[in-house]
All heavy atoms as atom14 arrays in JSON, in Angstrom:
{
  "sequence": "DYFYKIYSCRDMVAPKPSPEIYNYIVSSCGLNKD",
  "atom14_mask": [
    [1, 1, 1, 1, 1, 1, 1, 1, 0, 0, 0, 0, 0, 0],
    [1, 1, 1, 1, 1, 1, 1, 1, 1, 1, 1, 1, 0, 0],
    [1, 1, 1, 1, 1, 1, 1, 1, 1, 1, 1, 0, 0, 0],
    [1, 1, 1, 1, 1, 1, 1, 1, 1, 1, 1, 1, 0, 0],
    [1, 1, 1, 1, 1, 1, 1, 1, 1, 0, 0, 0, 0, 0],
    [1, 1, 1, 1, 1, 1, 1, 1, 0, 0, 0, 0, 0, 0],
    [1, 1, 1, 1, 1, 1, 1, 1, 1, 1, 1, 1, 0, 0],
    [1, 1, 1, 1, 1, 1, 0, 0, 0, 0, 0, 0, 0, 0],
    [1, 1, 1, 1, 1, 1, 0, 0, 0, 0, 0, 0, 0, 0],
    [1, 1, 1, 1, 1, 1, 1, 1, 1, 1, 1, 0, 0, 0],
    [1, 1, 1, 1, 1, 1, 1, 1, 0, 0, 0, 0, 0, 0],
    [1, 1, 1, 1, 1, 1, 1, 1, 0, 0, 0, 0, 0, 0],
    [1, 1, 1, 1, 1, 1, 1, 0, 0, 0, 0, 0, 0, 0],
    [1, 1, 1, 1, 1, 0, 0, 0, 0, 0, 0, 0, 0, 0],
    [1, 1, 1, 1, 1, 1, 1, 0, 0, 0, 0, 0, 0, 0],
    [1, 1, 1, 1, 1, 1, 1, 1, 1, 0, 0, 0, 0, 0],
    [1, 1, 1, 1, 1, 1, 1, 0, 0, 0, 0, 0, 0, 0],
    [1, 1, 1, 1, 1, 1, 0, 0, 0, 0, 0, 0, 0, 0],
    [1, 1, 1, 1, 1, 1, 1, 0, 0, 0, 0, 0, 0, 0],
    [1, 1, 1, 1, 1, 1, 1, 1, 1, 0, 0, 0, 0, 0],
    [1, 1, 1, 1, 1, 1, 1, 1, 0, 0, 0, 0, 0, 0],
    [1, 1, 1, 1, 1, 1, 1, 1, 1, 1, 1, 1, 0, 0],
    [1, 1, 1, 1, 1, 1, 1, 1, 0, 0, 0, 0, 0, 0],
    [1, 1, 1, 1, 1, 1, 1, 1, 1, 1, 1, 1, 0, 0],
    [1, 1, 1, 1, 1, 1, 1, 1, 0, 0, 0, 0, 0, 0],
    [1, 1, 1, 1, 1, 1, 1, 0, 0, 0, 0, 0, 0, 0],
    [1, 1, 1, 1, 1, 1, 0, 0, 0, 0, 0, 0, 0, 0],
    [1, 1, 1, 1, 1, 1, 0, 0, 0, 0, 0, 0, 0, 0],
    [1, 1, 1, 1, 1, 1, 0, 0, 0, 0, 0, 0, 0, 0],
    [1, 1, 1, 1, 0, 0, 0, 0, 0, 0, 0, 0, 0, 0],
    [1, 1, 1, 1, 1, 1, 1, 1, 0, 0, 0, 0, 0, 0],
    [1, 1, 1, 1, 1, 1, 1, 1, 0, 0, 0, 0, 0, 0],
    [1, 1, 1, 1, 1, 1, 1, 1, 1, 0, 0, 0, 0, 0],
    [1, 1, 1, 1, 1, 1, 1, 1, 0, 0, 0, 0, 0, 0]
  ],
  "atom14_positions": [
    [[177.25, 118.18, 97.68], [178.2, 118.31, 98.79], [178.05, 117.22, 99.83], [178.96, 117.08, 100.67], [178.06, 119.68, 99.46], [178.53, 120.84, 98.58], [179.22, 120.57, 97.58], [178.17, 121.98, 98.89], [0.0, 0.0, 0.0], [0.0, 0.0, 0.0], [0.0, 0.0, 0.0], [0.0, 0.0, 0.0], [0.0, 0.0, 0.0], [0.0, 0.0, 0.0]],
    [[176.97, 116.5, 99.82], [176.8, 115.39, 100.77], [177.65, 114.2, 100.47], [177.86, 113.33, 101.32], [175.35, 114.96, 100.85], [174.36, 116.04, 101.35], [173.11, 116.15, 100.82], [174.73, 116.91, 102.38], [172.2, 117.09, 101.28], [173.86, 117.87, 102.84], [172.59, 117.95, 102.28], [171.73, 118.92, 102.75], [0.0, 0.0, 0.0], [0.0, 0.0, 0.0]],
    [[178.12, 114.09, 99.23], [178.81, 112.88, 98.77], [180.31, 113.02, 98.76], [180.88, 113.97, 98.19], [178.3, 112.43, 97.37], [176.84, 112.06, 97.42], [175.89, 112.96, 96.98], [176.46, 110.85, 97.88], [174.54, 112.64, 97.04], [175.13, 110.48, 97.92], [174.14, 111.4, 97.52], [0.0, 0.0, 0.0], [0.0, 0.0, 0.0], [0.0, 0.0, 0.0]],
    [[180.97, 112.08, 99.44], [182.41, 112.03, 99.51], [183.04, 111.7, 98.14], [184.0, 112.31, 97.72], [182.79, 110.97, 100.57], [184.22, 110.54, 100.58], [185.27, 111.46, 100.84], [184.61, 109.22, 100.35], [186.58, 111.1, 100.88], [185.92, 108.82, 100.39], [186.91, 109.74, 100.63], [188.22, 109.37, 100.65], [0.0, 0.0, 0.0], [0.0, 0.0, 0.0]],
    [[182.41, 110.77, 97.45], [182.89, 110.38, 96.11], [181.69, 109.94, 95.25], [180.67, 109.51, 95.79], [183.85, 109.19, 96.2], [185.18, 109.44, 96.9], [186.16, 110.19, 95.96], [187.51, 110.32, 96.64], [188.49, 110.99, 95.76], [0.0, 0.0, 0.0], [0.0, 0.0, 0.0], [0.0, 0.0, 0.0], [0.0, 0.0, 0.0], [0.0, 0.0, 0.0]],
    [[181.84, 110.06, 93.95], [180.81, 109.64, 92.98], [181.49, 108.78, 91.91], [182.52, 109.18, 91.36], [180.13, 110.85, 92.33], [179.46, 111.71, 93.39], [179.09, 110.36, 91.29], [178.98, 113.07, 92.88], [0.0, 0.0, 0.0], [0.0, 0.0, 0.0], [0.0, 0.0, 0.0], [0.0, 0.0, 0.0], [0.0, 0.0, 0.0], [0.0, 0.0, 0.0]],
    [[180.91, 107.63, 91.64], [181.5, 106.7, 90.67], [180.43, 106.28, 89.68], [179.29, 106.02, 90.01], [182.04, 105.45, 91.38], [183.22, 105.74, 92.31], [182.99, 106.03, 93.62], [184.53, 105.72, 91.83], [184.05, 106.3, 94.5], [185.59, 105.97, 92.69], [185.34, 106.27, 94.02], [186.39, 106.52, 94.87], [0.0, 0.0, 0.0], [0.0, 0.0, 0.0]],
    [[180.86, 106.13, 88.41], [180.0, 105.62, 87.36], [180.62, 104.35, 86.79], [181.84, 104.29, 86.59], [179.88, 106.66, 86.24], [179.26, 106.06, 85.12], [0.0, 0.0, 0.0], [0.0, 0.0, 0.0], [0.0, 0.0, 0.0], [0.0, 0.0, 0.0], [0.0, 0.0, 0.0], [0.0, 0.0, 0.0], [0.0, 0.0, 0.0], [0.0, 0.0, 0.0]],
    [[179.77, 103.37, 86.52], [180.25, 102.14, 85.91], [180.78, 102.38, 84.47], [181.48, 101.51, 83.95], [179.14, 101.09, 85.84], [178.8, 100.31, 87.43], [0.0, 0.0, 0.0], [0.0, 0.0, 0.0], [0.0, 0.0, 0.0], [0.0, 0.0, 0.0], [0.0, 0.0, 0.0], [0.0, 0.0, 0.0], [0.0, 0.0, 0.0], [0.0, 0.0, 0.0]],
    [[180.49, 103.56, 83.92], [180.96, 103.87, 82.59], [182.51, 104.0, 82.61], [183.15, 103.91, 81.57], [180.39, 105.19, 82.09], [178.84, 105.2, 82.06], [178.3, 104.12, 81.14], [176.84, 104.03, 81.23], [176.02, 104.76, 80.46], [176.49, 105.55, 79.55], [174.7, 104.61, 80.61], [0.0, 0.0, 0.0], [0.0, 0.0, 0.0], [0.0, 0.0, 0.0]],
    [[183.06, 104.2, 83.81], [184.48, 104.34, 83.95], [185.14, 102.98, 84.33], [186.36, 102.93, 84.58], [184.85, 105.38, 85.01], [184.3, 106.75, 84.66], [184.38, 107.12, 83.45], [183.79, 107.46, 85.55], [0.0, 0.0, 0.0], [0.0, 0.0, 0.0], [0.0, 0.0, 0.0], [0.0, 0.0, 0.0], [0.0, 0.0, 0.0], [0.0, 0.0, 0.0]],
    [[184.33, 101.95, 84.39], [184.81, 100.61, 84.72], [184.85, 99.75, 83.47], [184.3, 100.13, 82.44], [183.89, 99.94, 85.77], [183.7, 100.78, 87.04], [185.14, 100.92, 88.06], [184.99, 102.63, 88.67], [0.0, 0.0, 0.0], [0.0, 0.0, 0.0], [0.0, 0.0, 0.0], [0.0, 0.0, 0.0], [0.0, 0.0, 0.0], [0.0, 0.0, 0.0]],
    [[185.46, 98.6, 83.59], [185.46, 97.69, 82.44], [184.1, 97.09, 82.25], [183.63, 96.91, 81.11], [186.55, 96.55, 82.69], [186.42, 95.48, 81.57], [187.93, 97.14, 82.73], [0.0, 0.0, 0.0], [0.0, 0.0, 0.0], [0.0, 0.0, 0.0], [0.0, 0.0, 0.0], [0.0, 0.0, 0.0], [0.0, 0.0, 0.0], [0.0, 0.0, 0.0]],
    [[183.43, 96.71, 83.38], [182.15, 96.07, 83.28], [181.15, 96.74, 84.2], [181.45, 97.14, 85.32], [182.29, 94.58, 83.65], [0.0, 0.0, 0.0], [0.0, 0.0, 0.0], [0.0, 0.0, 0.0], [0.0, 0.0, 0.0], [0.0, 0.0, 0.0], [0.0, 0.0, 0.0], [0.0, 0.0, 0.0], [0.0, 0.0, 0.0], [0.0, 0.0, 0.0]],
    [[179.89, 96.86, 83.75], [178.82, 97.44, 84.59], [178.3, 96.41, 85.57], [178.66, 95.25, 85.52], [177.73, 97.8, 83.55], [177.9, 96.8, 82.5], [179.36, 96.51, 82.4], [0.0, 0.0, 0.0], [0.0, 0.0, 0.0], [0.0, 0.0, 0.0], [0.0, 0.0, 0.0], [0.0, 0.0, 0.0], [0.0, 0.0, 0.0], [0.0, 0.0, 0.0]],
    [[177.45, 96.85, 86.49], [176.73, 95.93, 87.34], [175.93, 94.97, 86.45], [175.47, 95.39, 85.43], [175.79, 96.64, 88.3], [176.43, 97.69, 89.2], [175.38, 98.5, 89.92], [175.93, 99.71, 90.62], [174.88, 100.52, 91.25], [0.0, 0.0, 0.0], [0.0, 0.0, 0.0], [0.0, 0.0, 0.0], [0.0, 0.0, 0.0], [0.0, 0.0, 0.0]],
    [[175.83, 93.69, 86.72], [176.04, 93.0, 87.98], [177.49, 92.66, 88.33], [177.7, 91.96, 89.32], [175.17, 91.78, 87.85], [175.2, 91.43, 86.41], [175.19, 92.79, 85.74], [0.0, 0.0, 0.0], [0.0, 0.0, 0.0], [0.0, 0.0, 0.0], [0.0, 0.0, 0.0], [0.0, 0.0, 0.0], [0.0, 0.0, 0.0], [0.0, 0.0, 0.0]],
    [[178.45, 93.07, 87.51], [179.82, 92.84, 87.89], [180.08, 93.61, 89.21], [179.62, 94.73, 89.39], [180.74, 93.37, 86.81], [182.1, 93.5, 87.3], [0.0, 0.0, 0.0], [0.0, 0.0, 0.0], [0.0, 0.0, 0.0], [0.0, 0.0, 0.0], [0.0, 0.0, 0.0], [0.0, 0.0, 0.0], [0.0, 0.0, 0.0], [0.0, 0.0, 0.0]],
    [[180.85, 93.02, 90.14], [181.17, 93.66, 91.37], [182.28, 94.69, 91.24], [182.73, 95.28, 92.26], [181.57, 92.5, 92.27], [182.21, 91.55, 91.35], [181.39, 91.64, 90.06], [0.0, 0.0, 0.0], [0.0, 0.0, 0.0], [0.0, 0.0, 0.0], [0.0, 0.0, 0.0], [0.0, 0.0, 0.0], [0.0, 0.0, 0.0], [0.0, 0.0, 0.0]],
    [[182.8, 94.88, 90.02], [183.99, 95.69, 89.81], [183.89, 97.08, 90.5], [184.85, 97.51, 91.15], [184.25, 95.92, 88.3], [185.5, 96.74, 88.04], [185.68, 97.1, 86.6], [184.86, 96.68, 85.76], [186.68, 97.77, 86.26], [0.0, 0.0, 0.0], [0.0, 0.0, 0.0], [0.0, 0.0, 0.0], [0.0, 0.0, 0.0], [0.0, 0.0, 0.0]],
    [[182.78, 97.78, 90.27], [182.68, 99.14, 90.79], [182.78, 99.14, 92.36], [183.44, 100.02, 92.92], [181.37, 99.85, 90.36], [181.46, 101.35, 90.68], [180.14, 99.21, 90.89], [180.41, 102.21, 90.02], [0.0, 0.0, 0.0], [0.0, 0.0, 0.0], [0.0, 0.0, 0.0], [0.0, 0.0, 0.0], [0.0, 0.0, 0.0], [0.0, 0.0, 0.0]],
    [[182.16, 98.16, 92.99], [182.21, 98.1, 94.45], [183.62, 97.72, 94.94], [184.11, 98.32, 95.91], [181.15, 97.17, 94.99], [179.77, 97.73, 94.82], [178.78, 97.05, 94.1], [179.43, 99.01, 95.34], [177.48, 97.62, 93.96], [178.21, 99.54, 95.19], [177.24, 98.83, 94.5], [176.0, 99.4, 94.33], [0.0, 0.0, 0.0], [0.0, 0.0, 0.0]],
    [[184.23, 96.81, 94.29], [185.61, 96.4, 94.67], [186.57, 97.6, 94.45], [187.47, 97.85, 95.26], [186.07, 95.23, 93.84], [185.41, 93.94, 94.34], [185.14, 93.79, 95.53], [185.19, 93.02, 93.43], [0.0, 0.0, 0.0], [0.0, 0.0, 0.0], [0.0, 0.0, 0.0], [0.0, 0.0, 0.0], [0.0, 0.0, 0.0], [0.0, 0.0, 0.0]],
    [[186.35, 98.36, 93.38], [187.17, 99.5, 93.07], [187.01, 100.58, 94.14], [188.0, 101.17, 94.56], [186.85, 100.04, 91.67], [187.69, 101.29, 91.3], [188.99, 101.13, 90.84], [187.15, 102.53, 91.49], [189.75, 102.23, 90.49], [187.95, 103.67, 91.15], [189.23, 103.47, 90.66], [189.98, 104.6, 90.33], [0.0, 0.0, 0.0], [0.0, 0.0, 0.0]],
    [[185.8, 100.82, 94.5], [185.52, 101.87, 95.55], [186.25, 101.49, 96.87], [186.9, 102.33, 97.47], [184.01, 102.0, 95.76], [183.34, 102.71, 94.56], [183.71, 102.83, 97.04], [181.83, 102.68, 94.6], [0.0, 0.0, 0.0], [0.0, 0.0, 0.0], [0.0, 0.0, 0.0], [0.0, 0.0, 0.0], [0.0, 0.0, 0.0], [0.0, 0.0, 0.0]],
    [[186.09, 100.28, 97.29], [186.68, 99.8, 98.54], [188.23, 99.98, 98.48], [188.83, 100.48, 99.41], [186.32, 98.34, 98.84], [187.17, 97.78, 100.0], [184.85, 98.25, 99.19], [0.0, 0.0, 0.0], [0.0, 0.0, 0.0], [0.0, 0.0, 0.0], [0.0, 0.0, 0.0], [0.0, 0.0, 0.0], [0.0, 0.0, 0.0], [0.0, 0.0, 0.0]],
    [[188.79, 99.57, 97.33], [190.23, 99.62, 97.18], [190.76, 101.07, 97.13], [191.71, 101.44, 97.8], [190.64, 98.86, 95.94], [192.04, 99.01, 95.66], [0.0, 0.0, 0.0], [0.0, 0.0, 0.0], [0.0, 0.0, 0.0], [0.0, 0.0, 0.0], [0.0, 0.0, 0.0], [0.0, 0.0, 0.0], [0.0, 0.0, 0.0], [0.0, 0.0, 0.0]],
    [[190.12, 101.87, 96.24], [190.63, 103.22, 96.02], [190.41, 104.15, 97.19], [191.17, 105.1, 97.43], [189.99, 103.84, 94.75], [188.57, 103.95, 94.9], [0.0, 0.0, 0.0], [0.0, 0.0, 0.0], [0.0, 0.0, 0.0], [0.0, 0.0, 0.0], [0.0, 0.0, 0.0], [0.0, 0.0, 0.0], [0.0, 0.0, 0.0], [0.0, 0.0, 0.0]],
    [[189.36, 103.88, 97.97], [189.08, 104.72, 99.14], [189.6, 104.17, 100.46], [189.52, 104.78, 101.53], [187.59, 104.95, 99.29], [186.78, 105.83, 97.98], [0.0, 0.0, 0.0], [0.0, 0.0, 0.0], [0.0, 0.0, 0.0], [0.0, 0.0, 0.0], [0.0, 0.0, 0.0], [0.0, 0.0, 0.0], [0.0, 0.0, 0.0], [0.0, 0.0, 0.0]],
    [[190.27, 102.97, 100.37], [190.86, 102.38, 101.57], [189.8, 101.99, 102.61], [189.99, 102.16, 103.8], [0.0, 0.0, 0.0], [0.0, 0.0, 0.0], [0.0, 0.0, 0.0], [0.0, 0.0, 0.0], [0.0, 0.0, 0.0], [0.0, 0.0, 0.0], [0.0, 0.0, 0.0], [0.0, 0.0, 0.0], [0.0, 0.0, 0.0], [0.0, 0.0, 0.0]],
    [[188.66, 101.46, 102.13], [187.59, 101.12, 103.03], [187.65, 99.67, 103.52], [188.24, 98.83, 102.88], [186.25, 101.33, 102.34], [185.98, 102.75, 101.74], [184.65, 102.75, 101.0], [186.02, 103.79, 102.85], [0.0, 0.0, 0.0], [0.0, 0.0, 0.0], [0.0, 0.0, 0.0], [0.0, 0.0, 0.0], [0.0, 0.0, 0.0], [0.0, 0.0, 0.0]],
    [[186.98, 99.41, 104.6], [186.77, 98.04, 105.14], [185.38, 97.64, 104.73], [184.41, 98.3, 105.05], [186.96, 98.1, 106.65], [186.85, 96.7, 107.28], [186.15, 95.82, 106.75], [187.52, 96.48, 108.4], [0.0, 0.0, 0.0], [0.0, 0.0, 0.0], [0.0, 0.0, 0.0], [0.0, 0.0, 0.0], [0.0, 0.0, 0.0], [0.0, 0.0, 0.0]],
    [[185.28, 96.51, 104.02], [183.96, 96.08, 103.53], [182.97, 95.84, 104.69], [181.75, 96.06, 104.52], [184.11, 94.77, 102.72], [184.79, 94.97, 101.38], [184.76, 93.67, 100.55], [185.41, 93.94, 99.2], [185.36, 92.75, 98.31], [0.0, 0.0, 0.0], [0.0, 0.0, 0.0], [0.0, 0.0, 0.0], [0.0, 0.0, 0.0], [0.0, 0.0, 0.0]],
    [[183.43, 95.41, 105.84], [182.55, 95.19, 106.98], [181.96, 96.49, 107.51], [181.0, 96.49, 108.27], [183.31, 94.47, 108.1], [183.64, 93.02, 107.74], [182.97, 92.47, 106.89], [184.64, 92.5, 108.29], [0.0, 0.0, 0.0], [0.0, 0.0, 0.0], [0.0, 0.0, 0.0], [0.0, 0.0, 0.0], [0.0, 0.0, 0.0], [0.0, 0.0, 0.0]]
  ]
}
């Protein structure tokens, strides 16, 4: 219950070290990277 969202790289095209998961989180959640 503490977590707003949970993401797995298994649902992305590429795992880390690709930045895909972080870029996706920022975009889908409407976040500001700063």
